[in-house]
Protein backbone atom coordinates (compact mmCIF):
# COMPACT_ATOMS: atom_id res chain seq x y z
CA MET A 1 -73.03 -78.79 125.18
CA THR A 2 -71.20 -79.20 121.92
CA ARG A 3 -72.73 -82.53 121.02
CA SER A 4 -76.32 -83.60 120.78
CA ALA A 5 -77.81 -86.02 123.27
CA GLU A 6 -78.27 -88.50 120.45
CA THR A 7 -74.51 -88.54 119.83
CA VAL A 8 -73.55 -88.69 123.49
CA LEU A 9 -75.97 -91.44 124.44
CA ASP A 10 -74.91 -94.11 122.04
CA THR A 11 -76.38 -97.16 123.73
CA SER A 12 -80.05 -98.05 123.79
CA GLY A 13 -80.10 -98.62 127.55
CA GLU A 14 -78.73 -95.16 128.28
CA ARG A 15 -81.05 -93.55 125.75
CA VAL A 16 -84.08 -95.13 127.35
CA ALA A 17 -82.88 -94.31 130.87
CA LEU A 18 -82.54 -90.59 130.23
CA SER A 19 -85.57 -90.27 127.98
CA ALA A 20 -87.78 -90.09 131.04
CA LEU A 21 -86.04 -86.85 131.98
CA GLY A 22 -86.75 -85.20 128.65
CA VAL A 23 -83.64 -86.05 126.63
CA SER A 24 -84.32 -85.87 122.89
CA LEU A 25 -84.15 -89.36 121.41
CA GLY A 26 -84.08 -89.27 117.67
CA GLY A 27 -86.85 -86.68 117.51
CA ARG A 28 -89.38 -88.79 119.37
CA VAL A 29 -89.37 -86.48 122.40
CA LYS A 30 -89.76 -82.89 121.21
CA VAL A 31 -88.10 -80.91 123.98
CA PRO A 32 -85.91 -77.87 123.23
CA ALA A 33 -82.27 -78.41 124.16
CA ALA A 34 -82.12 -75.51 126.63
CA GLN A 35 -85.30 -76.61 128.37
CA ARG A 36 -84.14 -80.22 128.43
CA ASN A 37 -80.80 -79.30 130.03
CA ARG A 38 -82.53 -77.14 132.64
CA LEU A 39 -84.88 -80.00 133.49
CA ILE A 40 -82.08 -82.54 133.86
CA ASN A 41 -79.97 -80.18 135.98
CA TRP A 42 -82.96 -79.29 138.18
CA ALA A 43 -83.88 -82.94 138.74
CA LEU A 44 -80.48 -84.58 139.11
CA ASP A 45 -78.16 -81.87 140.39
CA GLY A 46 -80.27 -78.95 141.57
CA SER A 47 -83.14 -77.93 143.80
CA GLY A 48 -85.35 -80.68 142.40
CA TRP A 49 -83.14 -83.47 143.73
CA VAL A 50 -84.51 -83.51 147.29
CA PRO A 51 -88.22 -83.53 146.36
CA LEU A 52 -87.54 -86.10 143.63
CA VAL A 53 -85.74 -88.54 145.96
CA ALA A 54 -88.25 -87.91 148.76
CA SER A 55 -91.14 -88.64 146.39
CA ILE A 56 -89.55 -91.91 145.28
CA ASP A 57 -88.93 -92.91 148.91
CA GLY A 58 -92.51 -92.05 149.90
CA VAL A 59 -94.05 -93.92 146.99
CA GLY A 60 -91.83 -96.94 147.67
CA ALA A 61 -92.73 -97.02 151.37
CA ALA A 62 -96.45 -96.68 150.62
CA ALA A 63 -96.32 -99.34 147.89
CA GLY A 64 -94.51 -101.78 150.19
CA THR A 65 -97.04 -101.26 152.98
CA ALA A 66 -99.99 -101.62 150.60
CA LEU A 67 -98.57 -104.79 149.06
CA ALA A 68 -98.04 -106.43 152.46
CA THR A 69 -101.52 -105.41 153.58
CA VAL A 70 -103.17 -106.86 150.48
CA ALA A 71 -101.07 -110.04 150.60
CA TYR A 72 -101.45 -110.94 154.26
CA SER A 73 -104.52 -109.14 155.61
CA HIS A 74 -107.24 -111.05 153.81
CA HIS A 75 -109.92 -110.12 156.32
CA THR A 76 -109.48 -106.37 155.91
CA GLY A 77 -109.11 -104.07 152.96
CA LEU A 78 -106.78 -101.15 152.39
CA SER A 79 -109.42 -98.74 153.70
CA HIS A 80 -108.98 -100.24 157.19
CA ARG A 81 -105.25 -99.63 157.11
CA TRP A 82 -105.30 -95.89 156.42
CA VAL A 83 -103.15 -95.16 159.49
CA GLU A 84 -100.30 -97.40 158.35
CA LEU A 85 -100.56 -96.36 154.70
CA LEU A 86 -100.39 -92.70 155.65
CA LEU A 87 -97.79 -92.87 158.40
CA MET A 88 -95.28 -95.23 156.77
CA PRO A 89 -94.27 -92.97 153.84
CA VAL A 90 -94.43 -89.80 155.97
CA LEU A 91 -92.22 -91.20 158.72
CA THR A 92 -89.84 -92.86 156.25
CA VAL A 93 -89.21 -89.59 154.43
CA SER A 94 -88.95 -87.65 157.72
CA ILE A 95 -86.38 -90.04 159.21
CA PHE A 96 -84.39 -90.07 155.98
CA TYR A 97 -84.32 -86.27 156.05
CA LEU A 98 -83.22 -86.12 159.70
CA ARG A 99 -80.43 -88.62 159.02
CA GLY A 100 -79.09 -86.54 156.14
CA LEU A 101 -79.94 -89.05 153.41
CA TYR A 102 -81.13 -86.34 151.01
CA ARG A 103 -77.91 -84.37 150.67
CA ILE A 104 -76.38 -84.36 147.20
CA ARG A 105 -73.23 -86.43 147.52
CA ILE A 106 -70.08 -85.82 145.52
CA ARG A 107 -69.86 -89.53 144.74
CA PRO A 108 -72.75 -91.61 146.12
CA LEU A 109 -71.98 -95.31 146.44
CA LEU A 110 -74.57 -98.02 147.03
CA LEU A 111 -72.80 -99.43 150.09
CA ASP A 112 -72.57 -95.96 151.68
CA TRP A 113 -76.32 -95.34 151.78
CA LEU A 114 -77.68 -98.90 151.85
CA LEU A 115 -77.10 -99.62 155.56
CA PRO A 116 -78.48 -96.22 156.74
CA THR A 117 -81.50 -96.83 154.52
CA VAL A 118 -82.11 -100.26 156.08
CA GLY A 119 -81.93 -98.81 159.60
CA ALA A 120 -84.08 -95.76 158.82
CA THR A 121 -86.78 -97.87 157.16
CA ALA A 122 -86.87 -100.26 160.14
CA LEU A 123 -87.13 -97.30 162.52
CA ALA A 124 -90.02 -95.90 160.47
CA ALA A 125 -91.86 -99.25 160.67
CA LEU A 126 -91.42 -99.41 164.46
CA ALA A 127 -92.62 -95.81 164.81
CA VAL A 128 -95.75 -96.60 162.78
CA ILE A 129 -96.54 -99.53 165.08
CA ALA A 130 -96.19 -97.28 168.14
CA LEU A 131 -98.30 -94.49 166.67
CA SER A 132 -100.95 -96.95 165.50
CA GLU A 133 -101.36 -98.11 169.07
CA VAL A 134 -101.55 -94.51 170.31
CA VAL A 135 -104.40 -93.62 167.92
CA GLY A 136 -106.19 -96.89 168.69
CA ALA A 137 -105.86 -98.45 165.25
CA ALA A 138 -106.07 -102.23 164.94
CA LEU A 139 -102.49 -103.52 164.92
CA PRO A 140 -101.55 -105.92 162.13
CA THR A 141 -99.72 -109.15 162.83
CA GLU A 142 -95.93 -109.43 163.02
CA ARG A 143 -95.93 -111.17 159.66
CA VAL A 144 -97.69 -108.22 158.05
CA TRP A 145 -95.30 -105.69 159.53
CA LEU A 146 -92.17 -107.65 158.67
CA SER A 147 -93.45 -107.99 155.13
CA ALA A 148 -94.35 -104.30 154.99
CA TRP A 149 -90.85 -103.34 156.13
CA ALA A 150 -89.19 -105.76 153.67
CA TYR A 151 -91.33 -104.63 150.71
CA ALA A 152 -90.93 -100.95 151.57
CA LEU A 153 -87.15 -101.37 151.84
CA LEU A 154 -87.04 -103.24 148.52
CA PHE A 155 -89.02 -100.57 146.66
CA VAL A 156 -87.06 -97.71 148.24
CA VAL A 157 -83.70 -99.32 147.37
CA LEU A 158 -84.80 -100.05 143.80
CA GLY A 159 -86.10 -96.51 143.32
CA ARG A 160 -82.98 -94.92 144.79
CA SER A 161 -80.68 -97.21 142.79
CA LEU A 162 -82.40 -96.17 139.56
CA LEU A 163 -82.19 -92.51 140.46
CA PHE A 164 -78.51 -92.68 141.45
CA TYR A 165 -77.83 -94.57 138.23
CA LEU A 166 -79.47 -91.78 136.22
CA GLN A 167 -77.52 -89.16 138.15
CA GLY A 168 -74.22 -90.99 137.61
CA LEU A 169 -75.02 -91.49 133.93
CA ALA A 170 -75.85 -87.82 133.44
CA ARG A 171 -72.66 -86.78 135.23
CA LYS A 172 -70.43 -89.06 133.18
CA ARG A 173 -72.04 -87.76 129.97
CA ARG A 174 -71.49 -84.20 131.29
CA LEU A 175 -75.19 -83.41 131.02
CA VAL A 176 -75.11 -82.15 134.62
CA GLY A 177 -72.43 -80.79 136.88
CA ARG A 178 -72.38 -78.09 139.51
CA PRO A 179 -69.95 -75.29 138.55
CA VAL A 180 -67.27 -75.00 141.24
CA LEU A 181 -64.69 -72.32 142.00
CA ILE A 182 -61.43 -73.37 143.64
CA VAL A 183 -59.72 -70.86 145.94
CA GLY A 184 -56.03 -71.70 145.74
CA ALA A 185 -53.95 -72.16 142.60
CA GLY A 186 -51.07 -74.03 144.20
CA GLN A 187 -50.25 -77.71 143.92
CA VAL A 188 -53.31 -78.92 145.86
CA GLY A 189 -55.78 -76.62 144.11
CA SER A 190 -54.37 -77.43 140.68
CA GLN A 191 -54.42 -81.16 141.38
CA LEU A 192 -58.03 -80.90 142.55
CA ALA A 193 -59.02 -79.03 139.39
CA ARG A 194 -57.35 -81.62 137.14
CA ARG A 195 -59.01 -84.48 138.96
CA LEU A 196 -62.50 -82.96 138.85
CA GLU A 197 -62.09 -82.15 135.17
CA ALA A 198 -60.99 -85.71 134.39
CA ARG A 199 -63.62 -87.40 136.59
CA PRO A 200 -67.07 -85.91 135.78
CA GLU A 201 -68.74 -88.58 137.95
CA TYR A 202 -67.96 -86.39 140.97
CA GLY A 203 -70.56 -83.94 139.70
CA LEU A 204 -68.35 -80.85 140.14
CA ARG A 205 -67.27 -78.86 137.10
CA PRO A 206 -64.34 -76.47 137.84
CA VAL A 207 -64.74 -73.11 136.13
CA GLY A 208 -61.60 -71.44 137.46
CA LEU A 209 -59.02 -70.93 140.19
CA ILE A 210 -58.83 -67.95 142.53
CA ASP A 211 -55.58 -66.73 144.04
CA ASP A 212 -53.85 -63.42 144.60
CA ASP A 213 -50.36 -64.76 143.92
CA PRO A 214 -50.57 -68.12 142.15
CA PRO A 215 -47.27 -70.04 142.23
CA ASP A 216 -45.50 -71.16 139.08
CA LEU A 217 -46.04 -74.91 138.88
CA GLY A 218 -44.53 -75.34 135.44
CA ARG A 219 -46.30 -75.98 132.17
CA SER A 220 -46.14 -79.79 132.08
CA PRO A 221 -49.54 -81.49 131.69
CA GLU A 222 -49.03 -83.37 134.98
CA ARG A 223 -48.69 -80.18 137.05
CA TYR A 224 -50.48 -77.35 135.31
CA PRO A 225 -54.14 -76.80 136.33
CA ALA A 226 -56.93 -77.90 134.03
CA VAL A 227 -58.68 -74.51 134.33
CA PRO A 228 -57.32 -70.95 134.32
CA VAL A 229 -56.81 -68.54 137.20
CA VAL A 230 -59.79 -66.18 136.85
CA GLY A 231 -59.04 -63.59 139.50
CA GLY A 232 -57.96 -62.73 143.01
CA ILE A 233 -59.68 -63.04 146.38
CA ASP A 234 -61.37 -59.65 146.07
CA GLU A 235 -62.99 -60.73 142.78
CA VAL A 236 -64.69 -63.88 144.09
CA GLU A 237 -68.17 -62.38 144.42
CA GLU A 238 -68.06 -60.95 140.91
CA VAL A 239 -66.83 -64.29 139.47
CA ILE A 240 -69.63 -66.13 141.29
CA ARG A 241 -72.26 -63.85 139.79
CA ARG A 242 -70.71 -64.07 136.30
CA THR A 243 -70.30 -67.85 136.18
CA GLY A 244 -73.24 -69.03 138.29
CA VAL A 245 -70.95 -70.95 140.66
CA ARG A 246 -72.85 -72.95 143.28
CA HIS A 247 -69.90 -74.54 145.08
CA LEU A 248 -66.63 -73.12 146.37
CA ILE A 249 -63.65 -75.18 147.53
CA VAL A 250 -60.88 -73.62 149.62
CA ALA A 251 -57.62 -75.42 148.80
CA PHE A 252 -54.55 -73.79 150.36
CA PRO A 253 -54.60 -70.29 148.80
CA THR A 254 -51.65 -67.95 149.27
CA VAL A 255 -53.75 -65.37 151.18
CA ALA A 256 -54.00 -65.14 154.97
CA ASP A 257 -56.80 -66.93 156.82
CA SER A 258 -58.02 -63.57 158.15
CA ARG A 259 -59.12 -62.71 154.60
CA LEU A 260 -60.70 -66.10 153.98
CA SER A 261 -63.17 -66.05 156.88
CA PRO A 262 -65.25 -63.07 155.63
CA LEU A 263 -65.05 -64.52 152.10
CA ILE A 264 -66.54 -67.83 153.24
CA GLN A 265 -69.25 -66.03 155.21
CA ARG A 266 -70.17 -63.90 152.20
CA CYS A 267 -70.35 -66.96 149.92
CA GLN A 268 -72.71 -68.67 152.34
CA GLU A 269 -74.91 -65.57 152.34
CA LEU A 270 -75.06 -65.83 148.54
CA GLY A 271 -76.24 -69.46 148.78
CA VAL A 272 -72.92 -70.93 147.62
CA GLU A 273 -71.90 -74.17 149.33
CA VAL A 274 -68.38 -73.97 150.79
CA THR A 275 -66.06 -76.90 151.47
CA VAL A 276 -62.47 -76.79 152.68
CA VAL A 277 -59.45 -79.00 152.05
CA PRO A 278 -58.07 -79.20 155.62
CA ARG A 279 -54.47 -78.64 156.52
CA MET A 280 -52.56 -81.89 157.14
CA PHE A 281 -55.29 -83.73 155.22
CA ASP A 282 -53.06 -86.78 154.82
CA TRP A 283 -53.15 -87.20 158.61
CA LEU A 284 -56.95 -87.10 158.98
CA ASN A 285 -59.34 -90.02 158.89
CA ASN A 286 -63.03 -90.62 159.59
CA ARG A 287 -62.45 -91.40 163.28
CA ILE A 288 -62.30 -87.82 164.52
CA SER A 289 -63.61 -86.56 167.85
CA TYR A 290 -64.44 -82.88 168.41
CA GLU A 291 -63.87 -80.95 171.62
CA ALA A 292 -63.47 -77.29 172.46
CA VAL A 293 -61.36 -75.21 174.80
CA GLY A 294 -63.50 -72.13 175.15
CA GLY A 295 -64.17 -71.10 171.57
CA LEU A 296 -61.17 -72.97 170.14
CA PRO A 297 -62.04 -76.30 168.48
CA LEU A 298 -59.80 -79.30 169.03
CA LEU A 299 -59.87 -82.29 166.69
CA THR A 300 -58.46 -85.62 167.80
CA CYS A 301 -57.71 -88.19 165.12
CA HIS A 302 -57.89 -91.78 166.36
CA VAL A 303 -55.74 -94.12 164.29
CA VAL A 304 -55.42 -97.88 164.09
CA ALA A 305 -51.70 -98.62 163.93
CA PRO A 306 -50.63 -101.29 161.39
CA SER A 307 -48.79 -102.99 164.28
CA SER A 308 -51.92 -103.16 166.45
CA ARG A 309 -53.80 -106.28 167.52
CA LYS A 310 -56.64 -105.36 165.15
CA PHE A 311 -54.35 -105.73 162.14
CA ALA A 312 -52.98 -108.96 163.59
CA LEU A 313 -56.57 -110.24 163.80
CA LYS A 314 -57.18 -109.06 160.23
CA TYR A 315 -54.19 -111.04 158.95
CA ALA A 316 -55.28 -114.16 160.88
CA LEU A 317 -58.79 -113.94 159.42
CA ASP A 318 -57.27 -113.37 155.97
CA ARG A 319 -55.38 -116.66 156.17
CA LEU A 320 -58.46 -118.58 157.31
CA ALA A 321 -60.60 -117.01 154.58
CA ALA A 322 -57.95 -117.66 151.93
CA ALA A 323 -57.74 -121.33 152.92
CA LEU A 324 -61.54 -121.63 152.63
CA LEU A 325 -61.52 -119.85 149.27
CA LEU A 326 -58.81 -122.21 148.02
CA LEU A 327 -61.05 -125.17 148.81
CA LEU A 328 -64.07 -123.58 147.14
CA SER A 329 -62.16 -122.45 144.05
CA ALA A 330 -60.13 -125.65 143.61
CA PRO A 331 -62.32 -126.99 140.74
CA VAL A 332 -62.08 -123.67 138.89
CA MET A 333 -58.31 -123.48 139.41
CA ALA A 334 -57.92 -127.05 138.15
CA VAL A 335 -59.84 -126.25 134.95
CA VAL A 336 -57.80 -123.07 134.36
CA ALA A 337 -54.53 -124.95 134.94
CA ILE A 338 -55.49 -127.67 132.43
CA LEU A 339 -56.52 -125.11 129.80
CA ILE A 340 -53.23 -123.23 130.19
CA LYS A 341 -51.19 -126.42 129.96
CA VAL A 342 -52.88 -127.82 126.85
CA THR A 343 -53.10 -124.54 124.89
CA SER A 344 -49.55 -123.19 125.19
CA PRO A 345 -46.10 -124.47 126.23
CA GLY A 346 -44.62 -123.36 129.51
CA PRO A 347 -45.37 -123.50 133.24
CA VAL A 348 -48.90 -123.09 134.58
CA ILE A 349 -47.86 -120.74 137.40
CA TYR A 350 -46.01 -117.48 136.78
CA ARG A 351 -43.77 -116.23 139.62
CA GLN A 352 -42.63 -112.62 139.89
CA LEU A 353 -40.59 -110.92 142.63
CA ARG A 354 -42.61 -108.24 144.43
CA VAL A 355 -42.11 -105.95 147.44
CA GLY A 356 -44.55 -106.35 150.31
CA HIS A 357 -44.91 -105.52 154.01
CA ASP A 358 -42.03 -103.43 155.40
CA GLY A 359 -40.11 -103.75 152.13
CA LYS A 360 -39.75 -107.54 152.30
CA THR A 361 -39.66 -109.29 148.93
CA PHE A 362 -41.63 -112.40 148.00
CA TYR A 363 -42.65 -114.26 144.86
CA LEU A 364 -46.17 -113.35 143.77
CA LEU A 365 -48.04 -116.23 142.13
CA LYS A 366 -50.33 -115.93 139.13
CA PHE A 367 -51.66 -118.20 136.42
CA ARG A 368 -49.49 -117.70 133.35
CA SER A 369 -51.41 -115.66 130.79
CA MET A 370 -48.66 -114.96 128.22
CA ARG A 371 -46.49 -116.92 125.84
CA GLU A 372 -42.93 -117.39 126.92
CA GLY A 373 -40.19 -115.34 125.23
CA GLY A 374 -40.78 -112.30 123.05
CA GLU A 375 -39.96 -108.66 123.61
CA THR A 376 -40.71 -106.92 126.89
CA ALA A 377 -40.99 -103.21 127.43
CA LYS A 378 -37.57 -101.59 127.68
CA HIS A 379 -38.70 -97.99 127.84
CA HIS A 380 -41.44 -97.44 130.36
CA HIS A 381 -43.02 -94.47 128.59
CA TRP A 382 -46.08 -94.52 130.86
CA LEU A 383 -43.92 -93.51 133.84
CA ARG A 384 -43.20 -90.15 132.22
CA ARG A 385 -46.94 -89.51 132.09
CA GLY A 386 -47.44 -90.26 135.77
CA LEU A 387 -49.01 -93.68 135.16
CA ALA A 388 -48.42 -96.85 137.12
CA PRO A 389 -46.95 -99.96 135.48
CA GLY A 390 -49.18 -102.90 134.74
CA GLY A 391 -51.40 -104.32 132.05
CA VAL A 392 -49.71 -105.35 128.79
CA GLU A 393 -46.13 -104.02 128.72
CA GLY A 394 -44.28 -104.19 125.42
CA GLU A 395 -45.28 -106.87 122.93
CA ASP A 396 -48.76 -108.33 123.46
CA ARG A 397 -47.96 -111.97 124.22
CA ARG A 398 -51.26 -112.90 125.82
CA THR A 399 -52.66 -116.28 124.90
CA ALA A 400 -56.33 -116.82 124.09
CA ILE A 401 -56.90 -118.31 127.54
CA GLY A 402 -54.72 -115.61 129.05
CA LYS A 403 -56.95 -112.83 127.76
CA ILE A 404 -59.97 -114.44 129.39
CA ILE A 405 -58.41 -115.11 132.78
CA ARG A 406 -56.87 -111.62 132.95
CA ARG A 407 -60.17 -110.01 132.06
CA THR A 408 -62.06 -111.99 134.70
CA GLY A 409 -59.33 -111.91 137.35
CA LEU A 410 -58.97 -115.69 137.46
CA ASP A 411 -55.22 -115.33 136.94
CA GLU A 412 -55.03 -113.84 140.45
CA LEU A 413 -56.41 -116.93 142.22
CA PRO A 414 -52.98 -118.48 143.00
CA GLN A 415 -52.28 -115.47 145.21
CA LEU A 416 -54.53 -117.14 147.77
CA PHE A 417 -51.47 -119.31 148.46
CA ASN A 418 -49.49 -116.11 149.14
CA VAL A 419 -52.16 -115.11 151.66
CA VAL A 420 -52.13 -118.51 153.39
CA LYS A 421 -48.32 -118.30 153.68
CA GLY A 422 -48.66 -114.87 155.32
CA GLU A 423 -46.93 -112.97 152.50
CA MET A 424 -50.06 -111.09 151.44
CA SER A 425 -53.50 -110.07 152.67
CA LEU A 426 -56.82 -110.42 150.90
CA ILE A 427 -57.22 -106.63 150.88
CA GLY A 428 -54.46 -104.04 150.79
CA PRO A 429 -52.22 -102.06 148.40
CA ARG A 430 -51.12 -104.03 145.35
CA PRO A 431 -47.44 -105.12 145.53
CA GLU A 432 -44.94 -103.73 143.03
CA ARG A 433 -41.67 -104.91 141.51
CA PRO A 434 -38.47 -103.96 143.39
CA GLU A 435 -37.03 -101.76 140.64
CA PHE A 436 -40.20 -99.66 140.51
CA VAL A 437 -40.49 -99.41 144.30
CA GLU A 438 -37.08 -97.78 144.58
CA LEU A 439 -37.91 -95.38 141.75
CA PHE A 440 -41.35 -94.44 143.10
CA LYS A 441 -40.05 -93.84 146.63
CA GLU A 442 -37.95 -91.01 145.23
CA GLU A 443 -40.54 -89.50 142.91
CA ILE A 444 -43.98 -90.09 144.50
CA ASN A 445 -44.93 -88.46 147.79
CA ARG A 446 -45.67 -91.02 150.55
CA TYR A 447 -45.17 -94.00 148.26
CA GLY A 448 -43.15 -95.78 150.94
CA ASP A 449 -45.99 -95.33 153.46
CA ARG A 450 -48.11 -97.90 151.65
CA LEU A 451 -45.60 -100.59 152.68
CA ARG A 452 -46.74 -100.28 156.31
CA VAL A 453 -49.27 -103.08 155.75
CA LYS A 454 -49.32 -106.33 153.83
CA SER A 455 -50.03 -106.17 150.11
CA GLY A 456 -53.45 -107.33 148.96
CA ILE A 457 -55.02 -109.32 146.15
CA THR A 458 -57.46 -106.44 145.78
CA GLY A 459 -57.61 -102.98 147.30
CA LEU A 460 -59.42 -99.68 147.46
CA ALA A 461 -57.56 -98.26 144.46
CA GLN A 462 -58.48 -101.29 142.35
CA VAL A 463 -62.23 -101.21 143.12
CA CYS A 464 -62.17 -97.48 142.32
CA GLY A 465 -61.01 -98.31 138.79
CA LEU A 466 -57.26 -97.66 139.17
CA ARG A 467 -55.96 -100.82 137.51
CA GLY A 468 -53.13 -101.23 135.06
CA GLN A 469 -51.64 -98.08 133.59
CA THR A 470 -53.64 -95.48 135.54
CA SER A 471 -52.66 -92.52 137.69
CA LEU A 472 -49.90 -93.58 140.07
CA GLN A 473 -50.39 -90.57 142.35
CA GLU A 474 -54.11 -91.33 142.80
CA ARG A 475 -53.35 -94.98 143.48
CA VAL A 476 -50.85 -94.06 146.21
CA GLU A 477 -53.33 -91.62 147.74
CA LEU A 478 -56.06 -94.26 147.90
CA ASP A 479 -53.66 -96.87 149.31
CA ASN A 480 -52.66 -94.54 152.15
CA TYR A 481 -56.29 -93.51 152.61
CA TYR A 482 -57.15 -97.19 153.07
CA ILE A 483 -54.45 -97.63 155.71
CA SER A 484 -55.41 -94.57 157.76
CA HIS A 485 -59.17 -95.30 157.48
CA TRP A 486 -58.89 -99.06 157.87
CA SER A 487 -61.67 -100.98 159.60
CA PHE A 488 -63.29 -104.38 159.19
CA GLY A 489 -66.28 -102.56 157.69
CA LEU A 490 -64.07 -100.94 155.03
CA ASP A 491 -62.56 -104.34 154.20
CA LEU A 492 -66.06 -105.79 153.82
CA LYS A 493 -67.07 -102.91 151.55
CA ILE A 494 -64.00 -103.39 149.32
CA LEU A 495 -64.62 -107.14 149.19
CA LEU A 496 -68.24 -106.65 148.10
CA MET A 497 -67.20 -104.06 145.50
CA THR A 498 -64.57 -106.50 144.19
CA PHE A 499 -67.14 -109.23 143.62
CA ALA A 500 -69.69 -106.74 142.20
CA THR A 501 -67.25 -105.28 139.65
CA PRO A 502 -65.62 -107.68 137.20
CA PHE A 503 -61.84 -107.43 136.96
CA GLN A 504 -60.73 -105.51 133.92
CA GLY A 505 -57.16 -104.98 132.87
CA VAL A 506 -55.50 -106.01 136.10
CA GLU A 507 -51.69 -106.20 136.38
């Protein structure tokens, strides 16, 4: 690290959060830098992660059971509940382990592990009841067990949330990060290296690319890899030993697959985790079934076509939900409209032509957030840097009220009328202006594919932080990922993430 922890952690909340892991805070915690870094890496990104999370889960389950016992079993003490107090944490941790809830994730999200945690904790509680009856222990009442499950779940979720927050914080501050070697220096491998280098929250730090004959991708910042090519396929083992790599990603190298198989096997023998970017990755989704013909594996990808009845049901539910939201938000919209009208001249509603489903144009509605007139951007310089349009373009003409409603997302509320009219969906790719759509279709791979579904007020790219002038390529990838992986559960997850994350810098 080139900067001290005191410089990196510049807010009191972050300083306090990481102080428990031995980070030096203004000299109050006297821990050598090397020892401190080893401790943080061991706990949050190394072999200490599993025992640390398991300990938190066990303590949370035991604390929840003990609290319910004390609160509702007035006639008995904790000593009479030794079976439950012992079995609940043991079974909770065991079930979590069997369900794979202790693997280090590249990007753990609350909604991804919350539902499995709820189910696993409930299963542990039911198993304790069954085992208590087997050993002849006095069974507590339903009220006690429901309370024990609820308290255990609460403590486990709080403990895990704190730990994942610390892990995410340490990753973003680059205090931890597993060194990763990428096999393949072509377009996919280079793009992967750039993305991992720019997004430390994934917890993977690329140290180099491996390829026997790396292609010439040009020297522009948008195409050239963020890390150098450090050797060929035959040098992988030596590079692993020299750099301490713990993760290897195979991303379309120029060598034959017959040379990759022994390489992967050797890396696994060395304790290096291996992941592979699959061929035709833009075709795959999470609804894959596996079969085999002899020793040959067959993968079947089950898709939900945008023209299917499920999407038709989605659009119908969108219109009903939008109508309900219009009724609920009517007072807020009335206040915003009055404030806009009395603070600046001009219309309350701003209309802009956008391209939606199947290339059809419509007028997108927003609360006006800018003064009328003034200079607009004539030279879209962000396009040359691979960024999407949006945010403040040209002269900053935002009004005082406009800054507030754009920051909070209230300017998007009139788009509920677009949803009711059937022009948009609540969730989907954000619509773009016609002139940009034609340009992006020519320059961005699969940009036109995102027009297969209705545009949305919010979408997967937006809840992942890609708002305003951010990477256009990443936004297109996430839009198409959403379409191919679509489900009602994914829509619910995006909706919850939208409400949990305040709008910042939307178009």
